């Protein structure tokens, strides 16, 4: 089974920052590590390559702790390793791309397509997800749960990026005692 969002159901985030600044940060090695920490990743290693065409490929190996709801406990370990491959390609005056996440040891795959386009003085990122869980009887429910988690975590990563580009200090969990977040 596969649960797939349509582009019309995309998660949309509008940045008040330039597309150049957003893209530069979203594909920077330090940001990849920071965003992983922001969404409670235990371990992460990243490799970034740029093709002559300008396309950027990010490969991230990360370990994430999850607290699954009762119906799914026991189906997955609390700590999961994930292979995450993300590709950004030039698209006119913006960017488009996709990512694929393979959850090691689980019959689950997460994929997404996205665009980053200029919008006024800022820019807009749109992302729509697809989740496949090959688990008899529970596959559809697991897909909907993982889709919700993926949207929530990606939204959190975009909020983090927005705050970071705005110069907000103390964003990472390790800094919270020293710099409480605004609001």
Protein backbone atom coordinates (compact mmCIF):
# COMPACT_ATOMS: atom_id res chain seq x y z
CA UNK A 1 0.00 0.00 0.00
CA UNK A 2 1.11 3.59 -0.57
CA UNK A 3 -0.22 6.85 0.84
CA UNK A 4 0.65 9.73 -1.48
CA UNK A 5 -0.10 13.42 -1.14
CA UNK A 6 -1.01 15.41 -4.21
CA UNK A 7 0.86 18.65 -4.98
CA UNK A 8 -2.33 20.48 -3.96
CA UNK A 9 -1.92 18.94 -0.46
CA UNK A 10 1.67 20.14 -0.14
CA UNK A 11 3.14 21.51 3.04
CA UNK A 12 3.89 25.16 2.15
CA UNK A 13 6.36 27.36 4.01
CA UNK A 14 6.94 31.01 3.11
CA UNK A 15 10.31 32.46 4.09
CA UNK A 16 10.91 36.20 4.39
CA UNK A 17 14.50 35.44 3.29
CA UNK A 18 15.94 35.37 -0.23
CA UNK A 19 15.92 32.14 -2.19
CA UNK A 20 19.73 32.41 -2.40
CA UNK A 21 20.08 32.52 1.41
CA UNK A 22 17.56 29.71 2.00
CA UNK A 23 19.12 27.40 -0.58
CA UNK A 24 22.67 28.11 0.59
CA UNK A 25 21.73 27.22 4.17
CA UNK A 26 19.46 24.26 3.42
CA UNK A 27 22.28 22.56 1.51
CA UNK A 28 25.13 23.43 3.94
CA UNK A 29 26.78 20.61 5.86
CA UNK A 30 26.46 22.38 9.23
CA UNK A 31 22.72 22.87 8.64
CA UNK A 32 22.23 19.17 7.82
CA UNK A 33 23.71 18.24 11.22
CA UNK A 34 21.79 20.98 13.04
CA UNK A 35 18.43 20.07 11.52
CA UNK A 36 19.05 16.44 12.48
CA UNK A 37 19.64 17.50 16.10
CA UNK A 38 16.60 19.80 15.98
CA UNK A 39 14.35 16.80 15.24
CA UNK A 40 16.00 14.63 17.92
CA UNK A 41 18.31 12.58 15.78
CA UNK A 42 20.80 10.66 17.92
CA UNK A 43 23.53 10.35 15.29
CA UNK A 44 23.97 11.75 11.81
CA UNK A 45 26.63 11.84 9.14
CA UNK A 46 26.23 13.76 5.91
CA UNK A 47 27.92 13.82 2.52
CA UNK A 48 27.20 16.63 0.07
CA UNK A 49 28.19 16.67 -3.61
CA UNK A 50 27.55 19.24 -6.33
CA UNK A 51 27.32 18.24 -10.00
CA UNK A 52 28.55 20.46 -12.87
CA UNK A 53 24.86 21.12 -13.66
CA UNK A 54 24.49 22.77 -10.24
CA UNK A 55 22.46 19.87 -8.81
CA UNK A 56 23.21 19.18 -5.15
CA UNK A 57 22.99 15.71 -3.60
CA UNK A 58 22.87 15.20 0.16
CA UNK A 59 23.28 11.72 1.62
CA UNK A 60 22.48 11.45 5.31
CA UNK A 61 22.79 8.40 7.54
CA UNK A 62 20.99 9.01 10.80
CA UNK A 63 19.70 7.26 13.89
CA UNK A 64 16.38 8.47 15.29
CA UNK A 65 14.52 7.57 18.47
CA UNK A 66 10.78 7.15 18.09
CA UNK A 67 7.99 6.62 20.57
CA UNK A 68 5.35 4.84 18.50
CA UNK A 69 1.70 4.75 19.56
CA UNK A 70 0.35 1.53 21.09
CA UNK A 71 -0.91 -0.18 17.93
CA UNK A 72 2.58 0.08 16.34
CA UNK A 73 4.80 -0.66 19.36
CA UNK A 74 6.77 -3.82 18.81
CA UNK A 75 6.62 -3.52 15.02
CA UNK A 76 9.62 -1.17 14.96
CA UNK A 77 12.59 -0.68 17.26
CA UNK A 78 12.63 2.52 19.36
CA UNK A 79 15.91 3.51 17.69
CA UNK A 80 15.87 3.38 13.91
CA UNK A 81 18.62 3.92 11.36
CA UNK A 82 17.68 5.72 8.19
CA UNK A 83 19.37 6.31 4.86
CA UNK A 84 18.22 9.69 3.55
CA UNK A 85 19.10 10.86 0.02
CA UNK A 86 18.07 14.35 -1.04
CA UNK A 87 18.58 15.91 -4.48
CA UNK A 88 18.15 19.57 -5.45
CA UNK A 89 18.20 20.59 -9.13
CA UNK A 90 18.09 24.05 -10.70
CA UNK A 91 14.63 24.88 -12.05
CA UNK A 92 14.45 28.26 -13.78
CA UNK A 93 15.02 30.87 -11.09
CA UNK A 94 14.39 28.32 -8.34
CA UNK A 95 14.98 24.71 -7.35
CA UNK A 96 13.12 21.42 -7.44
CA UNK A 97 13.97 18.05 -6.07
CA UNK A 98 13.11 14.90 -4.23
CA UNK A 99 14.21 12.84 -1.29
CA UNK A 100 14.01 9.18 -0.39
CA UNK A 101 14.30 7.71 3.09
CA UNK A 102 14.88 4.02 3.64
CA UNK A 103 14.18 2.89 7.21
CA UNK A 104 16.70 0.11 7.79
CA UNK A 105 15.16 -3.12 9.06
CA UNK A 106 11.58 -1.96 8.47
CA UNK A 107 9.34 -2.39 5.42
CA UNK A 108 8.81 1.37 5.22
CA UNK A 109 9.92 3.95 2.66
CA UNK A 110 9.30 7.68 2.71
CA UNK A 111 9.71 9.87 -0.35
CA UNK A 112 8.92 13.48 -1.17
CA UNK A 113 9.05 15.98 -3.99
CA UNK A 114 9.60 19.67 -3.41
CA UNK A 115 10.06 23.07 -5.03
CA UNK A 116 11.75 26.24 -3.81
CA UNK A 117 10.59 29.32 -5.73
CA UNK A 118 11.03 33.07 -5.39
CA UNK A 119 7.95 34.74 -3.93
CA UNK A 120 8.03 38.50 -3.55
CA UNK A 121 11.05 39.53 -1.46
CA UNK A 122 11.21 36.03 0.02
CA UNK A 123 10.66 32.51 -1.22
CA UNK A 124 8.29 29.58 -0.87
CA UNK A 125 9.08 25.92 -0.28
CA UNK A 126 6.42 23.33 -1.15
CA UNK A 127 6.80 19.67 -0.28
CA UNK A 128 4.51 16.69 -0.78
CA UNK A 129 5.18 13.24 0.65
CA UNK A 130 4.65 9.60 -0.22
CA UNK A 131 4.85 6.79 2.35
CA UNK A 132 4.88 3.06 1.66
CA UNK A 133 4.56 0.50 4.47
CA UNK A 134 4.48 -3.13 3.39
CA UNK A 135 2.83 -4.49 6.53
CA UNK A 136 -0.31 -6.61 6.19
CA UNK A 137 -3.48 -5.18 7.75
CA UNK A 138 -1.75 -2.19 9.40
CA UNK A 139 0.03 -0.71 6.36
CA UNK A 140 -2.48 2.08 5.69
CA UNK A 141 -2.66 3.17 9.34
CA UNK A 142 1.13 3.14 9.65
CA UNK A 143 1.49 5.17 6.44
CA UNK A 144 -0.90 7.83 7.72
CA UNK A 145 0.95 7.99 11.05
CA UNK A 146 4.37 8.26 9.36
CA UNK A 147 3.03 10.82 6.89
CA UNK A 148 1.88 12.98 9.81
CA UNK A 149 5.25 12.58 11.53
CA UNK A 150 7.13 13.43 8.30
CA UNK A 151 5.06 16.57 7.73
CA UNK A 152 5.48 17.65 11.34
CA UNK A 153 9.24 17.09 11.40
CA UNK A 154 9.79 18.79 8.05
CA UNK A 155 7.69 21.73 9.25
CA UNK A 156 9.86 21.89 12.38
CA UNK A 157 13.02 21.85 10.24
CA UNK A 158 11.69 24.75 8.16
CA UNK A 159 10.80 26.75 11.29
CA UNK A 160 14.31 26.10 12.58
CA UNK A 161 15.79 27.32 9.28
CA UNK A 162 13.62 30.44 9.34
CA UNK A 163 14.67 31.28 12.92
CA UNK A 164 18.32 30.54 12.14
CA UNK A 165 18.34 32.84 9.10
CA UNK A 166 16.66 35.52 11.22
CA UNK A 167 19.62 35.31 13.63
CA UNK A 168 17.76 33.81 16.60
CA UNK A 169 20.32 32.42 19.10
CA UNK A 170 20.03 29.19 21.08
CA UNK A 171 17.94 27.14 18.71
CA UNK A 172 19.38 23.69 19.35
CA UNK A 173 18.15 21.60 22.29
CA UNK A 174 21.60 21.77 23.91
CA UNK A 175 21.26 25.60 24.03
CA UNK A 176 17.72 25.85 25.42
CA UNK A 177 18.70 26.52 29.05
CA UNK A 178 20.97 29.38 28.00
CA UNK A 179 18.73 30.88 25.28
CA UNK A 180 15.01 30.10 25.67
CA UNK A 181 13.15 30.31 22.36
CA UNK A 182 10.87 33.30 21.79
CA UNK A 183 7.12 32.79 22.10
